[in-house]
Amino acid sequence: MTYAPLDLTLNTARLTLRQMTPDDAPEFRRMVCIPSVGRMLFVFPPDWTDEAARAWIPDWIYRGDLKLRLAIEDPSGRFIGTVGAVDMDGRVQLFYFIDPDHAGHGYVSEAARAFLTWLFAQFDMDMVHADAFIDNPASARVLEKLGFEYMGQGMGSSAARLEDCAISLYRLTRNRFESTLS
């Protein structure tokens, strides 16, 4: 069954999180094909095209279920990254990325905090999971800042890597996250 997209916009002090549109495809594709970004993501090949991105985006528009990816816009309204979540067999997984030109300004933490606040309020769940490649300490710092707990290591693959790589596994309970908000 196909559901119509729902209106979903979240605002923070500096950012707007909004539904992605096919118009975002060229910039989205450009970012995920930056080698330093793409190798930290799980699904995007380095030769991904604008057409493939344009076809992929509609599958991730929020329609009331736990499969969504929101665009992150900076104060000028420029698309600078994404944040989202998906339910993978009862395990809700958080993911995000930011354009390297906008890294180091706290945008990912700000966007993810707003998104997690909405996510926990919107859905009846007690836990969110996240993974980060072990050679991505910036992502690990974001997760720890948000209150995620390190749970150990596993192996993950990326369409932009030649072979599997170790990943750090994290989880965040609703109670722990809510305690970081006060």
Protein backbone atom coordinates (compact mmCIF):
# COMPACT_ATOMS: atom_id res chain seq x y z
CA MET A 1 0.00 0.00 0.00
CA THR A 2 1.30 3.47 -0.86
CA TYR A 3 0.64 6.37 1.46
CA ALA A 4 0.74 10.04 0.52
CA PRO A 5 3.65 12.07 1.91
CA LEU A 6 2.92 13.81 5.19
CA ASP A 7 3.95 17.33 6.04
CA LEU A 8 7.02 17.14 8.24
CA THR A 9 9.22 20.10 9.03
CA LEU A 10 11.33 20.45 12.16
CA ASN A 11 13.05 23.69 13.11
CA THR A 12 15.98 24.24 15.45
CA ALA A 13 17.76 27.43 16.42
CA ARG A 14 19.81 27.33 13.19
CA LEU A 15 18.43 24.57 10.99
CA THR A 16 15.36 23.37 9.15
CA LEU A 17 14.73 19.65 8.68
CA ARG A 18 12.25 18.99 5.90
CA GLN A 19 11.04 16.32 3.53
CA MET A 20 13.46 15.68 0.70
CA THR A 21 12.27 16.30 -2.85
CA PRO A 22 13.57 15.13 -6.24
CA ASP A 23 14.99 18.66 -6.63
CA ASP A 24 17.50 17.75 -3.89
CA ALA A 25 18.90 14.89 -5.99
CA PRO A 26 21.91 16.65 -7.59
CA GLU A 27 23.20 18.08 -4.31
CA PHE A 28 22.38 14.88 -2.39
CA ARG A 29 24.24 12.80 -4.98
CA ARG A 30 27.18 15.19 -5.01
CA MET A 31 27.60 14.86 -1.25
CA VAL A 32 27.29 11.08 -0.97
CA CYS A 33 29.80 10.72 -3.82
CA ILE A 34 32.47 12.75 -1.99
CA PRO A 35 34.92 9.97 -1.07
CA SER A 36 35.29 11.09 2.56
CA VAL A 37 31.49 11.04 2.95
CA GLY A 38 30.51 8.05 0.81
CA ARG A 39 32.87 5.62 2.51
CA MET A 40 31.24 6.40 5.85
CA LEU A 41 27.78 5.56 4.50
CA PHE A 42 26.45 2.10 3.88
CA VAL A 43 24.46 2.26 0.64
CA PHE A 44 25.69 4.82 -1.90
CA PRO A 45 28.14 3.74 -4.61
CA PRO A 46 30.78 6.27 -5.72
CA ASP A 47 29.36 6.33 -9.25
CA TRP A 48 25.77 7.05 -8.17
CA THR A 49 23.96 9.30 -10.66
CA ASP A 50 21.55 12.20 -10.28
CA GLU A 51 18.89 10.04 -11.95
CA ALA A 52 19.43 7.24 -9.41
CA ALA A 53 19.22 9.75 -6.55
CA ARG A 54 16.05 11.28 -8.00
CA ALA A 55 14.46 7.79 -8.21
CA TRP A 56 15.66 6.85 -4.70
CA ILE A 57 14.38 9.91 -2.80
CA PRO A 58 10.61 9.17 -3.04
CA ASP A 59 11.08 5.87 -1.21
CA TRP A 60 12.39 7.78 1.81
CA ILE A 61 9.70 10.46 2.09
CA TYR A 62 7.82 10.27 5.40
CA ARG A 63 4.42 8.64 5.04
CA GLY A 64 3.75 7.77 8.68
CA ASP A 65 6.02 4.76 9.01
CA LEU A 66 9.56 4.35 10.25
CA LYS A 67 11.38 4.82 6.98
CA LEU A 68 12.34 8.41 6.33
CA ARG A 69 15.19 10.72 5.52
CA LEU A 70 14.95 14.48 6.02
CA ALA A 71 17.00 17.18 4.36
CA ILE A 72 19.02 19.42 6.67
CA GLU A 73 19.07 23.08 5.60
CA ASP A 74 21.47 25.64 7.06
CA PRO A 75 20.38 29.16 8.11
CA SER A 76 20.58 30.36 4.48
CA GLY A 77 18.26 27.54 3.33
CA ARG A 78 21.05 25.55 1.66
CA PHE A 79 20.79 21.73 1.63
CA ILE A 80 23.77 20.55 3.72
CA GLY A 81 22.99 16.95 4.68
CA THR A 82 20.37 14.49 5.84
CA VAL A 83 19.13 12.72 8.94
CA GLY A 84 16.77 9.77 9.05
CA ALA A 85 15.73 6.46 10.49
CA VAL A 86 14.47 3.08 9.37
CA ASP A 87 12.91 0.15 11.17
CA MET A 88 14.96 -2.90 10.25
CA ASP A 89 13.09 -5.92 11.62
CA GLY A 90 12.04 -4.16 14.82
CA ARG A 91 15.36 -2.37 15.30
CA VAL A 92 15.18 1.38 14.62
CA GLN A 93 18.39 2.62 13.05
CA LEU A 94 19.44 6.31 13.00
CA PHE A 95 21.64 7.65 10.19
CA TYR A 96 22.93 11.03 9.04
CA PHE A 97 25.61 12.81 7.05
CA ILE A 98 26.74 16.38 6.50
CA ASP A 99 28.55 18.10 3.65
CA PRO A 100 32.23 18.38 4.71
CA ASP A 101 32.06 22.13 4.02
CA HIS A 102 29.60 22.38 6.93
CA ALA A 103 31.28 19.96 9.34
CA GLY A 104 32.54 21.17 12.70
CA HIS A 105 29.70 23.61 13.39
CA GLY A 106 27.53 21.29 15.49
CA TYR A 107 24.91 21.00 12.75
CA VAL A 108 24.74 17.19 12.84
CA SER A 109 24.26 17.10 16.62
CA GLU A 110 21.63 19.83 16.44
CA ALA A 111 19.74 18.15 13.61
CA ALA A 112 19.95 14.67 15.15
CA ARG A 113 18.79 15.94 18.56
CA ALA A 114 15.71 17.57 17.00
CA PHE A 115 15.05 14.48 14.90
CA LEU A 116 15.39 12.10 17.86
CA THR A 117 13.08 14.29 19.97
CA TRP A 118 10.46 14.04 17.23
CA LEU A 119 11.13 10.33 16.64
CA PHE A 120 10.65 9.33 20.27
CA ALA A 121 7.53 11.51 20.55
CA GLN A 122 6.03 10.20 17.30
CA PHE A 123 6.65 6.48 17.69
CA ASP A 124 6.11 4.10 20.58
CA MET A 125 9.65 2.79 20.94
CA ASP A 126 12.16 2.59 23.73
CA MET A 127 15.43 2.43 21.81
CA VAL A 128 17.25 3.68 18.73
CA HIS A 129 20.43 2.13 17.33
CA ALA A 130 23.25 3.65 15.28
CA ASP A 131 26.46 2.34 13.74
CA ALA A 132 29.62 4.20 12.80
CA PHE A 133 32.65 2.91 10.95
CA ILE A 134 35.58 2.82 13.36
CA ASP A 135 37.53 5.17 11.13
CA ASN A 136 34.81 7.82 11.60
CA PRO A 137 35.55 9.31 15.05
CA ALA A 138 33.49 12.44 14.28
CA SER A 139 30.34 10.34 14.00
CA ALA A 140 31.19 8.51 17.22
CA ARG A 141 31.53 11.88 19.00
CA VAL A 142 28.11 12.97 17.69
CA LEU A 143 26.48 9.77 18.94
CA GLU A 144 28.13 10.06 22.36
CA LYS A 145 27.11 13.73 22.62
CA LEU A 146 23.50 12.65 21.97
CA GLY A 147 23.70 10.10 24.79
CA PHE A 148 24.21 6.93 22.74
CA GLU A 149 26.00 4.12 24.58
CA TYR A 150 28.78 2.15 22.93
CA MET A 151 27.76 -1.52 22.74
CA GLY A 152 30.75 -3.11 20.98
CA GLN A 153 31.94 -3.76 17.46
CA GLY A 154 30.65 -5.53 14.40
CA MET A 155 31.39 -5.53 10.70
CA GLY A 156 29.74 -3.34 8.11
CA SER A 157 29.94 -2.79 4.40
CA SER A 158 29.78 0.33 2.32
CA ALA A 159 29.14 0.53 -1.40
CA ALA A 160 32.04 3.02 -1.46
CA ARG A 161 34.56 0.64 0.18
CA LEU A 162 36.31 -2.30 -1.37
CA GLU A 163 35.82 -4.57 1.65
CA ASP A 164 33.94 -4.83 4.92
CA CYS A 165 35.17 -2.71 7.81
CA ALA A 166 34.74 -2.74 11.57
CA ILE A 167 31.88 -0.64 12.90
CA SER A 168 31.09 0.60 16.39
CA LEU A 169 27.59 -0.30 17.57
CA TYR A 170 25.57 2.16 19.65
CA ARG A 171 22.16 2.34 21.27
CA LEU A 172 20.12 5.09 22.86
CA THR A 173 17.20 4.47 25.18
CA ARG A 174 14.30 6.87 25.39
CA ASN A 175 14.98 7.48 29.11
CA ARG A 176 18.67 8.21 28.56
CA PHE A 177 17.90 10.58 25.67
CA GLU A 178 15.21 12.42 27.65
CA SER A 179 17.66 12.85 30.53
CA THR A 180 20.05 14.69 28.18
CA LEU A 181 17.33 17.22 27.29
CA SER A 182 16.94 18.68 30.77
